Protein backbone atom coordinates (compact mmCIF):
# COMPACT_ATOMS: atom_id res chain seq x y z
CA MET A 1 -17.15 58.30 -2.81
CA LYS A 2 -17.41 57.39 0.47
CA ASN A 3 -16.02 53.75 1.89
CA LYS A 4 -18.38 51.49 3.52
CA ASN A 5 -17.79 48.98 5.84
CA ILE A 6 -19.91 45.58 5.21
CA GLU A 7 -20.44 42.49 7.28
CA PRO A 8 -17.67 39.60 7.00
CA LEU A 9 -18.02 39.08 2.68
CA ALA A 10 -17.81 35.01 3.09
CA THR A 11 -15.85 31.75 3.90
CA ASP A 12 -16.94 30.19 0.73
CA LEU A 13 -16.14 30.90 -3.08
CA ALA A 14 -20.17 30.81 -3.88
CA THR A 15 -20.96 32.91 -1.32
CA ILE A 16 -18.12 35.31 -2.04
CA GLY A 17 -19.33 35.46 -5.68
CA GLU A 18 -23.15 36.11 -4.74
CA ARG A 19 -22.00 38.80 -2.65
CA MET A 20 -19.80 40.53 -4.89
CA ALA A 21 -22.71 40.72 -7.60
CA VAL A 22 -25.11 42.10 -4.75
CA ILE A 23 -22.17 44.94 -4.27
CA ARG A 24 -21.94 45.30 -7.68
CA ASN A 25 -25.58 45.88 -8.23
CA GLU A 26 -26.31 48.05 -5.80
CA ALA A 27 -23.17 50.24 -6.96
CA GLY A 28 -24.97 50.42 -10.42
CA HIS A 29 -22.57 48.64 -11.91
CA THR A 30 -22.61 46.43 -15.16
CA VAL A 31 -20.15 43.24 -15.18
CA ARG A 32 -18.63 45.66 -18.27
CA SER A 33 -18.23 48.88 -15.90
CA LEU A 34 -16.92 47.35 -12.62
CA ALA A 35 -14.07 45.29 -14.83
CA ASN A 36 -13.20 48.62 -16.68
CA VAL A 37 -13.35 50.73 -13.47
CA ALA A 38 -11.67 47.93 -11.36
CA SER A 39 -9.00 47.01 -14.10
CA VAL A 40 -9.92 43.82 -14.14
CA ASP A 41 -11.21 41.35 -16.77
CA LYS A 42 -14.89 40.80 -17.62
CA PHE A 43 -14.61 37.34 -17.67
CA THR A 44 -12.42 37.27 -14.22
CA VAL A 45 -15.70 39.38 -12.68
CA THR A 46 -18.24 36.52 -14.05
CA ARG A 47 -15.96 33.80 -12.61
CA ILE A 48 -15.84 35.47 -9.46
CA GLU A 49 -19.58 36.23 -9.18
CA HIS A 50 -20.57 32.74 -10.50
CA GLY A 51 -18.24 30.93 -7.74
CA ARG A 52 -15.74 29.26 -10.11
CA ASN A 53 -12.73 31.70 -9.22
CA TRP A 54 -11.10 32.63 -5.82
CA PRO A 55 -10.31 36.04 -6.34
CA ARG A 56 -6.91 37.42 -5.54
CA LEU A 57 -6.79 39.58 -2.39
CA ASP A 58 -5.71 42.50 -4.95
CA VAL A 59 -8.60 42.16 -7.53
CA LEU A 60 -11.13 41.72 -4.84
CA GLN A 61 -9.91 45.16 -3.20
CA ARG A 62 -10.03 47.28 -6.67
CA MET A 63 -13.17 45.89 -7.36
CA LEU A 64 -14.88 46.51 -3.64
CA SER A 65 -13.26 49.74 -4.14
CA ALA A 66 -14.97 50.56 -7.35
CA CYS A 67 -18.17 50.06 -5.90
CA GLY A 68 -17.52 52.23 -2.50
CA TYR A 69 -16.34 49.64 -0.15
CA ARG A 70 -12.93 48.50 1.52
CA LEU A 71 -11.78 45.32 2.03
CA LEU A 72 -10.75 44.67 5.78
CA ILE A 73 -9.01 41.85 6.82
CA SER A 74 -9.39 40.75 10.78
CA LYS A 75 -7.80 37.34 12.53
CA ASN A 76 -10.20 35.61 14.41
CA SER A 77 -8.58 31.98 15.86
CA LEU A 78 -10.63 29.29 15.23
CA GLU A 79 -11.00 29.10 18.75
CA ASP A 80 -13.82 32.32 18.51
CA GLU A 81 -15.58 30.81 16.27
CA LYS A 82 -16.80 27.77 18.44
């Protein structure tokens, strides 16, 4: 499976969940199939996608990897955002 780079995921909980749902659907996964492949509880996937839980980085990495993406973390200073 080829890893893909994507634009920044998000900075708020609802947007992270919405983006993760789009990625999951584009990869052809159901909540259950993603949960199985990523070794995550299906309720965790649902809570993340509905903006009720901040995903731990290891969980987010497994979910993204199962969809053919990789998680990249970069450092930007607050001054860069002005």
